[in-house]
Amino acid sequence: MTLAEKPAKKPATTRKAAAARKPAGAKADGKPVLLSGGNPQIAKADGDEAVQAYIAAMPDWKSDVGKRLDALIVRTIPDVRKAVKWNSPLYGVEGQGWFVGLHCFTKYIKIAFFQGASLQLPPPVTSRHQDTRYFHIHADDPFEDELLARWIAQAAQLPGWVP
């Protein structure tokens, strides 16, 4: 059989080939994989698009809260810098590092203030890192936009976390 007589190669249909066609961290249907605790696996990327993909993939009630938190952060710090790194949206100020991050757990969303111990009326949950403080939001927890906005505004004025 000559080269011209060989039949055309069929497209690959293996799992490996299918995985090569879908975005990193996505299932075969294109939706993001949820890691343990329901945290969306979103590829590292800078910008609003990656953060919005993370928020859209947050399970159940968490997506609505994620939208509310993102809007509050943007309203409070209009020129905020956004990225997804280590499967968490991060918010920062150009040249100052990251001041806040979000992360989904099974029963709550963790808001990490990287210099939270320096905030007036610091967030209530301590960290193994002495500067970091957390605020947890559970499904039925009311939370005050005004209090969060004060923490966000203060945090954005401090030197942020630089990995």
Protein backbone atom coordinates (compact mmCIF):
# COMPACT_ATOMS: atom_id res chain seq x y z
CA MET A 1 0.00 0.00 0.00
CA THR A 2 1.42 3.39 -0.95
CA LEU A 3 1.15 6.52 1.11
CA ALA A 4 -1.57 7.83 -1.19
CA GLU A 5 -3.63 4.66 -0.68
CA LYS A 6 -3.62 4.79 3.14
CA PRO A 7 -7.00 5.64 4.65
CA ALA A 8 -7.32 8.99 6.44
CA LYS A 9 -6.48 8.87 10.12
CA LYS A 10 -9.55 8.76 12.37
CA PRO A 11 -9.80 11.43 15.07
CA ALA A 12 -8.68 10.27 18.50
CA THR A 13 -11.52 9.33 20.85
CA THR A 14 -9.55 8.28 23.87
CA ARG A 15 -9.96 9.85 27.30
CA LYS A 16 -6.50 11.31 26.96
CA ALA A 17 -7.44 13.02 23.69
CA ALA A 18 -10.73 14.31 25.14
CA ALA A 19 -8.86 15.68 28.16
CA ALA A 20 -6.51 17.53 25.84
CA ARG A 21 -9.49 19.35 24.26
CA LYS A 22 -11.11 20.58 27.47
CA PRO A 23 -9.82 23.40 29.67
CA ALA A 24 -7.63 22.50 32.63
CA GLY A 25 -9.77 21.73 35.67
CA ALA A 26 -12.87 21.03 33.58
CA LYS A 27 -14.97 17.90 33.37
CA ALA A 28 -15.86 16.33 30.01
CA ASP A 29 -18.98 18.56 29.89
CA GLY A 30 -16.75 21.66 30.17
CA LYS A 31 -17.91 22.56 33.68
CA PRO A 32 -15.22 23.11 36.32
CA VAL A 33 -14.30 20.28 38.65
CA LEU A 34 -15.31 20.87 42.25
CA LEU A 35 -12.50 19.96 44.59
CA SER A 36 -13.05 18.63 48.10
CA GLY A 37 -15.36 20.94 49.99
CA GLY A 38 -16.90 22.20 46.76
CA ASN A 39 -14.12 24.62 45.82
CA PRO A 40 -14.08 25.15 42.01
CA GLN A 41 -10.89 24.18 40.21
CA ILE A 42 -10.19 27.14 37.94
CA ALA A 43 -6.94 27.57 36.03
CA LYS A 44 -4.59 30.27 37.28
CA ALA A 45 -5.22 33.50 35.43
CA ASP A 46 -5.18 37.24 35.92
CA GLY A 47 -8.25 39.37 35.41
CA ASP A 48 -11.98 39.56 35.93
CA GLU A 49 -12.81 36.75 33.49
CA ALA A 50 -11.11 34.11 35.65
CA VAL A 51 -12.77 35.44 38.82
CA GLN A 52 -16.19 35.42 37.14
CA ALA A 53 -15.61 31.81 36.00
CA TYR A 54 -14.81 30.87 39.62
CA ILE A 55 -17.91 32.64 40.94
CA ALA A 56 -20.14 31.00 38.30
CA ALA A 57 -18.78 27.59 39.33
CA MET A 58 -19.32 28.11 43.07
CA PRO A 59 -21.94 25.51 44.12
CA ASP A 60 -25.43 26.21 45.42
CA TRP A 61 -25.99 29.43 47.42
CA LYS A 62 -22.27 30.23 47.30
CA SER A 63 -22.42 31.59 43.74
CA ASP A 64 -24.97 34.29 44.69
CA VAL A 65 -22.87 35.27 47.70
CA GLY A 66 -19.74 35.27 45.51
CA LYS A 67 -21.43 37.70 43.08
CA ARG A 68 -22.44 39.92 45.99
CA LEU A 69 -18.91 39.88 47.46
CA ASP A 70 -17.28 40.59 44.09
CA ALA A 71 -19.63 43.53 43.46
CA LEU A 72 -18.97 44.88 46.97
CA ILE A 73 -15.20 44.69 46.47
CA VAL A 74 -15.41 46.44 43.08
CA ARG A 75 -17.76 49.10 44.47
CA THR A 76 -15.39 49.73 47.39
CA ILE A 77 -12.13 49.58 45.38
CA PRO A 78 -13.05 50.47 41.76
CA ASP A 79 -9.54 49.87 40.36
CA VAL A 80 -9.12 46.52 42.13
CA ARG A 81 -6.84 43.97 40.48
CA LYS A 82 -8.27 40.42 40.20
CA ALA A 83 -6.83 36.96 39.64
CA VAL A 84 -7.45 33.30 40.38
CA LYS A 85 -4.48 31.54 41.91
CA TRP A 86 -4.42 28.28 43.87
CA ASN A 87 -8.14 27.82 43.09
CA SER A 88 -9.09 31.02 44.91
CA PRO A 89 -10.05 34.46 43.64
CA LEU A 90 -7.66 37.12 44.89
CA TYR A 91 -8.16 40.88 44.96
CA GLY A 92 -5.35 43.38 45.16
CA VAL A 93 -3.99 46.81 44.44
CA GLU A 94 -1.40 47.18 41.69
CA GLY A 95 2.07 47.33 43.24
CA GLN A 96 0.82 46.42 46.74
CA GLY A 97 -0.04 42.72 46.47
CA TRP A 98 -3.25 40.87 47.36
CA PHE A 99 -5.39 42.12 50.24
CA VAL A 100 -8.29 39.64 50.22
CA GLY A 101 -9.11 36.19 48.87
CA LEU A 102 -12.14 33.88 48.74
CA HIS A 103 -12.31 30.11 49.13
CA CYS A 104 -15.25 27.66 49.16
CA PHE A 105 -15.62 25.00 51.81
CA THR A 106 -18.43 22.49 52.21
CA LYS A 107 -20.48 24.62 54.61
CA TYR A 108 -19.12 28.12 54.19
CA ILE A 109 -17.15 30.65 52.17
CA LYS A 110 -13.92 31.84 53.76
CA ILE A 111 -12.93 35.45 53.17
CA ALA A 112 -9.22 35.85 53.95
CA PHE A 113 -7.93 39.30 54.86
CA PHE A 114 -4.18 38.87 54.50
CA GLN A 115 -3.43 41.81 56.84
CA GLY A 116 -6.64 41.31 58.81
CA ALA A 117 -5.02 41.55 62.23
CA SER A 118 -4.24 45.21 61.42
CA LEU A 119 -7.86 46.11 60.64
CA GLN A 120 -9.90 48.10 63.13
CA LEU A 121 -12.31 45.59 64.60
CA PRO A 122 -10.42 42.67 62.98
CA PRO A 123 -12.36 39.81 61.40
CA PRO A 124 -13.16 37.20 64.05
CA VAL A 125 -11.39 34.03 62.87
CA THR A 126 -7.65 33.73 63.50
CA SER A 127 -5.11 32.02 61.27
CA ARG A 128 -1.85 30.19 61.78
CA HIS A 129 -0.35 33.28 60.10
CA GLN A 130 -0.42 36.02 62.72
CA ASP A 131 -1.36 38.78 60.23
CA THR A 132 -4.21 36.94 58.48
CA ARG A 133 -7.79 36.95 59.75
CA TYR A 134 -10.87 35.30 58.28
CA PHE A 135 -14.57 35.94 58.03
CA HIS A 136 -16.78 32.92 57.31
CA ILE A 137 -20.15 33.12 55.59
CA HIS A 138 -22.54 30.17 56.01
CA ALA A 139 -25.72 29.58 53.98
CA ASP A 140 -28.11 31.32 56.34
CA ASP A 141 -25.71 33.86 57.86
CA PRO A 142 -26.70 37.45 57.42
CA PHE A 143 -23.71 39.65 56.76
CA GLU A 144 -23.39 43.38 56.69
CA ASP A 145 -22.14 44.91 53.46
CA GLU A 146 -21.14 48.00 55.46
CA LEU A 147 -18.84 46.05 57.81
CA LEU A 148 -17.27 44.09 54.95
CA ALA A 149 -16.81 47.30 52.93
CA ARG A 150 -14.96 48.89 55.88
CA TRP A 151 -12.65 45.87 56.15
CA ILE A 152 -12.10 45.86 52.37
CA ALA A 153 -11.32 49.60 52.28
CA GLN A 154 -8.88 49.29 55.20
CA ALA A 155 -7.25 46.16 53.79
CA ALA A 156 -6.68 47.81 50.40
CA GLN A 157 -4.67 50.58 52.13
CA LEU A 158 -2.23 48.11 53.72
CA PRO A 159 0.69 46.34 52.06
CA GLY A 160 -0.79 43.14 50.62
CA TRP A 161 0.36 39.56 50.42
CA VAL A 162 2.93 38.89 47.70
CA PRO A 163 3.43 35.16 47.09
